[in-house]
Protein backbone atom coordinates (compact mmCIF):
# COMPACT_ATOMS: atom_id res chain seq x y z
CA UNK A 1 11.93 30.64 4.63
CA UNK A 2 9.64 32.61 6.92
CA UNK A 3 11.39 33.55 10.17
CA UNK A 4 8.28 32.53 12.14
CA UNK A 5 8.09 29.20 10.35
CA UNK A 6 11.09 26.96 10.91
CA UNK A 7 10.38 24.65 7.96
CA UNK A 8 11.30 25.51 4.41
CA UNK A 9 8.76 26.70 1.88
CA UNK A 10 9.30 23.48 -0.10
CA UNK A 11 8.50 21.27 2.91
CA UNK A 12 5.53 23.43 3.77
CA UNK A 13 4.15 23.07 0.22
CA UNK A 14 4.66 19.29 0.35
CA UNK A 15 2.80 19.09 3.66
CA UNK A 16 -0.02 21.21 2.24
CA UNK A 17 -0.23 18.96 -0.84
CA UNK A 18 -0.34 15.82 1.31
CA UNK A 19 -3.01 17.33 3.51
CA UNK A 20 -5.11 18.27 0.47
CA UNK A 21 -4.79 14.77 -1.02
CA UNK A 22 -5.69 12.96 2.19
CA UNK A 23 -7.78 13.29 5.32
CA UNK A 24 -4.71 14.21 7.37
CA UNK A 25 -4.16 17.67 8.77
CA UNK A 26 -0.80 19.44 8.59
CA UNK A 27 -0.39 18.78 12.30
CA UNK A 28 -1.07 15.05 11.94
CA UNK A 29 1.44 14.73 9.11
CA UNK A 30 4.09 16.50 11.18
CA UNK A 31 3.17 14.44 14.28
CA UNK A 32 3.48 11.19 12.30
CA UNK A 33 6.92 12.28 11.08
CA UNK A 34 8.11 13.13 14.56
CA UNK A 35 6.43 10.35 16.55
CA UNK A 36 6.47 7.46 14.10
CA UNK A 37 9.27 8.28 11.66
CA UNK A 38 6.89 8.61 8.73
CA UNK A 39 8.70 10.97 6.40
CA UNK A 40 7.04 13.16 3.81
CA UNK A 41 8.40 10.78 1.18
CA UNK A 42 6.67 7.88 2.99
CA UNK A 43 3.38 9.78 3.07
CA UNK A 44 3.73 10.77 -0.60
CA UNK A 45 4.42 7.16 -1.61
CA UNK A 46 1.53 5.88 0.53
CA UNK A 47 -0.97 8.35 -0.93
CA UNK A 48 0.25 7.61 -4.48
CA UNK A 49 -0.26 3.88 -3.84
CA UNK A 50 -3.74 4.44 -2.47
CA UNK A 51 -4.60 6.57 -5.51
CA UNK A 52 -3.27 3.85 -7.83
CA UNK A 53 -5.54 1.35 -6.07
CA UNK A 54 -8.55 3.64 -6.42
CA UNK A 55 -7.77 4.20 -10.10
CA UNK A 56 -7.45 0.42 -10.66
CA UNK A 57 -10.77 -0.17 -8.90
CA UNK A 58 -12.41 2.54 -11.00
CA UNK A 59 -11.18 0.66 -14.10
CA UNK A 60 -12.60 -2.59 -12.71
CA UNK A 61 -9.10 -4.03 -12.39
CA UNK A 62 -9.55 -6.43 -9.47
CA UNK A 63 -7.96 -9.70 -8.48
CA UNK A 64 -9.78 -12.77 -9.73
CA UNK A 65 -11.33 -15.26 -7.31
CA UNK A 66 -8.52 -17.72 -8.17
CA UNK A 67 -5.83 -15.09 -7.43
CA UNK A 68 -7.42 -14.30 -4.07
CA UNK A 69 -7.72 -18.02 -3.21
CA UNK A 70 -4.04 -18.54 -4.10
CA UNK A 71 -2.96 -15.78 -1.69
CA UNK A 72 -5.26 -16.96 1.08
CA UNK A 73 -4.15 -20.58 0.68
CA UNK A 74 -0.51 -19.56 0.71
CA UNK A 75 -0.89 -18.45 4.32
CA UNK A 76 -3.36 -21.10 5.44
CA UNK A 77 -1.61 -23.17 8.09
CA UNK A 78 -4.34 -25.77 8.66
């Protein structure tokens, strides 16, 4: 660990990886962790889920119109 940097090298690498895989800066990731309780594990899981969604969309793997209607009707209170 660098004496001028109070976070471990492992955490620093994880933050750098998250920053590279998203539009978030290192500072924003750290701010989210401190202000909103969003841990690095939360960010990593979120970004992995987003990437899975992008990969599914790239494969053309979308919900059918019937599946979408089922979800929308489930919450329709009229």
